[in-house]
C-alpha atoms as a PDB file:
ATOM      1  CA  UNK A   1      -0.343   0.091   0.500  1.00  0.00           C
ATOM      2  CA  UNK A   2       1.602   3.443  -0.735  1.00  0.00           C
ATOM      3  CA  UNK A   3       1.670   6.313   1.695  1.00  0.00           C
ATOM      4  CA  UNK A   4      -0.819   8.758   1.900  1.00  0.00           C
ATOM      5  CA  UNK A   5      -0.722  12.411   0.503  1.00  0.00           C
ATOM      6  CA  UNK A   6       0.483  14.869   3.196  1.00  0.00           C
ATOM      7  CA  UNK A   7       0.328  18.271   3.098  1.00  0.00           C
ATOM      8  CA  UNK A   8       3.546  20.500   3.452  1.00  0.00           C
ATOM      9  CA  UNK A   9       4.874  24.344   3.734  1.00  0.00           C
ATOM     10  CA  UNK A  10       7.852  24.827   1.722  1.00  0.00           C
ATOM     11  CA  UNK A  11       9.740  27.904   2.444  1.00  0.00           C
ATOM     12  CA  UNK A  12      12.309  29.775   0.998  1.00  0.00           C
ATOM     13  CA  UNK A  13      14.822  31.948   2.125  1.00  0.00           C
ATOM     14  CA  UNK A  14      13.724  35.207  -0.014  1.00  0.00           C
ATOM     15  CA  UNK A  15      10.623  34.105  -1.511  1.00  0.00           C
ATOM     16  CA  UNK A  16       7.828  32.702   0.912  1.00  0.00           C
ATOM     17  CA  UNK A  17       6.399  30.144   1.164  1.00  0.00           C
ATOM     18  CA  UNK A  18       4.640  27.485  -1.244  1.00  0.00           C
ATOM     19  CA  UNK A  19       2.083  24.536   0.026  1.00  0.00           C
ATOM     20  CA  UNK A  20       2.899  21.365  -1.456  1.00  0.00           C
ATOM     21  CA  UNK A  21       0.951  18.245  -1.702  1.00  0.00           C
ATOM     22  CA  UNK A  22       3.292  15.074  -1.474  1.00  0.00           C
ATOM     23  CA  UNK A  23       4.044  10.918  -0.143  1.00  0.00           C
ATOM     24  CA  UNK A  24       6.650  12.193   2.329  1.00  0.00           C
ATOM     25  CA  UNK A  25       8.879  15.976   3.125  1.00  0.00           C
ATOM     26  CA  UNK A  26      11.483  15.231   0.673  1.00  0.00           C
ATOM     27  CA  UNK A  27       9.161  15.185  -2.275  1.00  0.00           C
ATOM     28  CA  UNK A  28       7.542  18.590  -1.026  1.00  0.00           C
ATOM     29  CA  UNK A  29      10.498  20.137  -1.167  1.00  0.00           C
ATOM     30  CA  UNK A  30      11.735  18.755  -4.269  1.00  0.00           C
ATOM     31  CA  UNK A  31       9.302  19.615  -6.588  1.00  0.00           C
ATOM     32  CA  UNK A  32       9.376  23.013  -4.472  1.00  0.00           C
ATOM     33  CA  UNK A  33      13.547  22.581  -6.109  1.00  0.00           C
ATOM     34  CA  UNK A  34      11.812  22.424  -9.151  1.00  0.00           C
ATOM     35  CA  UNK A  35       9.015  25.658  -9.081  1.00  0.00           C
ATOM     36  CA  UNK A  36      12.345  27.672  -7.960  1.00  0.00           C
ATOM     37  CA  UNK A  37      14.958  27.117 -10.124  1.00  0.00           C
ATOM     38  CA  UNK A  38      12.819  27.576 -12.691  1.00  0.00           C
ATOM     39  CA  UNK A  39      10.734  30.695 -11.352  1.00  0.00           C
ATOM     40  CA  UNK A  40      14.391  31.785 -10.085  1.00  0.00           C
ATOM     41  CA  UNK A  41      16.482  30.876 -13.329  1.00  0.00           C
ATOM     42  CA  UNK A  42      19.292  29.458 -11.125  1.00  0.00           C
ATOM     43  CA  UNK A  43      21.499  26.626 -11.686  1.00  0.00           C
ATOM     44  CA  UNK A  44      22.230  26.029  -8.160  1.00  0.00           C
ATOM     45  CA  UNK A  45      21.927  22.457  -6.913  1.00  0.00           C
ATOM     46  CA  UNK A  46      19.655  21.064  -4.969  1.00  0.00           C
ATOM     47  CA  UNK A  47      22.359  20.101  -2.423  1.00  0.00           C
ATOM     48  CA  UNK A  48      23.097  24.705  -1.713  1.00  0.00           C
ATOM     49  CA  UNK A  49      19.046  24.332  -1.735  1.00  0.00           C
ATOM     50  CA  UNK A  50      18.868  22.245   1.162  1.00  0.00           C
ATOM     51  CA  UNK A  51      20.001  25.164   2.394  1.00  0.00           C
ATOM     52  CA  UNK A  52      18.444  28.053   2.357  1.00  0.00           C
ATOM     53  CA  UNK A  53      14.626  25.839   2.350  1.00  0.00           C
ATOM     54  CA  UNK A  54      12.780  24.263   5.197  1.00  0.00           C
ATOM     55  CA  UNK A  55       9.973  22.329   4.991  1.00  0.00           C
ATOM     56  CA  UNK A  56       6.778  21.314   7.410  1.00  0.00           C
ATOM     57  CA  UNK A  57       3.608  19.449   7.404  1.00  0.00           C
ATOM     58  CA  UNK A  58       0.427  21.852   7.963  1.00  0.00           C
ATOM     59  CA  UNK A  59      -3.309  20.550   8.836  1.00  0.00           C
ATOM     60  CA  UNK A  60      -4.695  19.085   5.037  1.00  0.00           C
ATOM     61  CA  UNK A  61      -7.382  21.255   3.982  1.00  0.00           C
ATOM     62  CA  UNK A  62     -10.929  21.166   4.597  1.00  0.00           C
ATOM     63  CA  UNK A  63     -12.673  18.038   2.849  1.00  0.00           C
ATOM     64  CA  UNK A  64      -9.186  16.165   2.089  1.00  0.00           C
ATOM     65  CA  UNK A  65      -9.739  13.139   2.582  1.00  0.00           C
ATOM     66  CA  UNK A  66     -13.556  13.651   2.260  1.00  0.00           C
ATOM     67  CA  UNK A  67     -16.017  11.218   0.668  1.00  0.00           C
ATOM     68  CA  UNK A  68     -16.407  11.910  -2.938  1.00  0.00           C
ATOM     69  CA  UNK A  69     -20.296  10.288  -4.167  1.00  0.00           C
END
């Protein structure tokens, strides 16, 4: 069975926070890196990105996991 999708907030120094739905904090951060690198036009590595970004679990939005009729 696969891991459930959770909601994470990724903060990047100088860019603010963004919300991601992912199966792990690492996957949320990887998606944030991809988005940030595209927006910033940066060639910095993912390893460098780890030094100025933070990820934390936040509550899922209302209605998440609700039954769809």
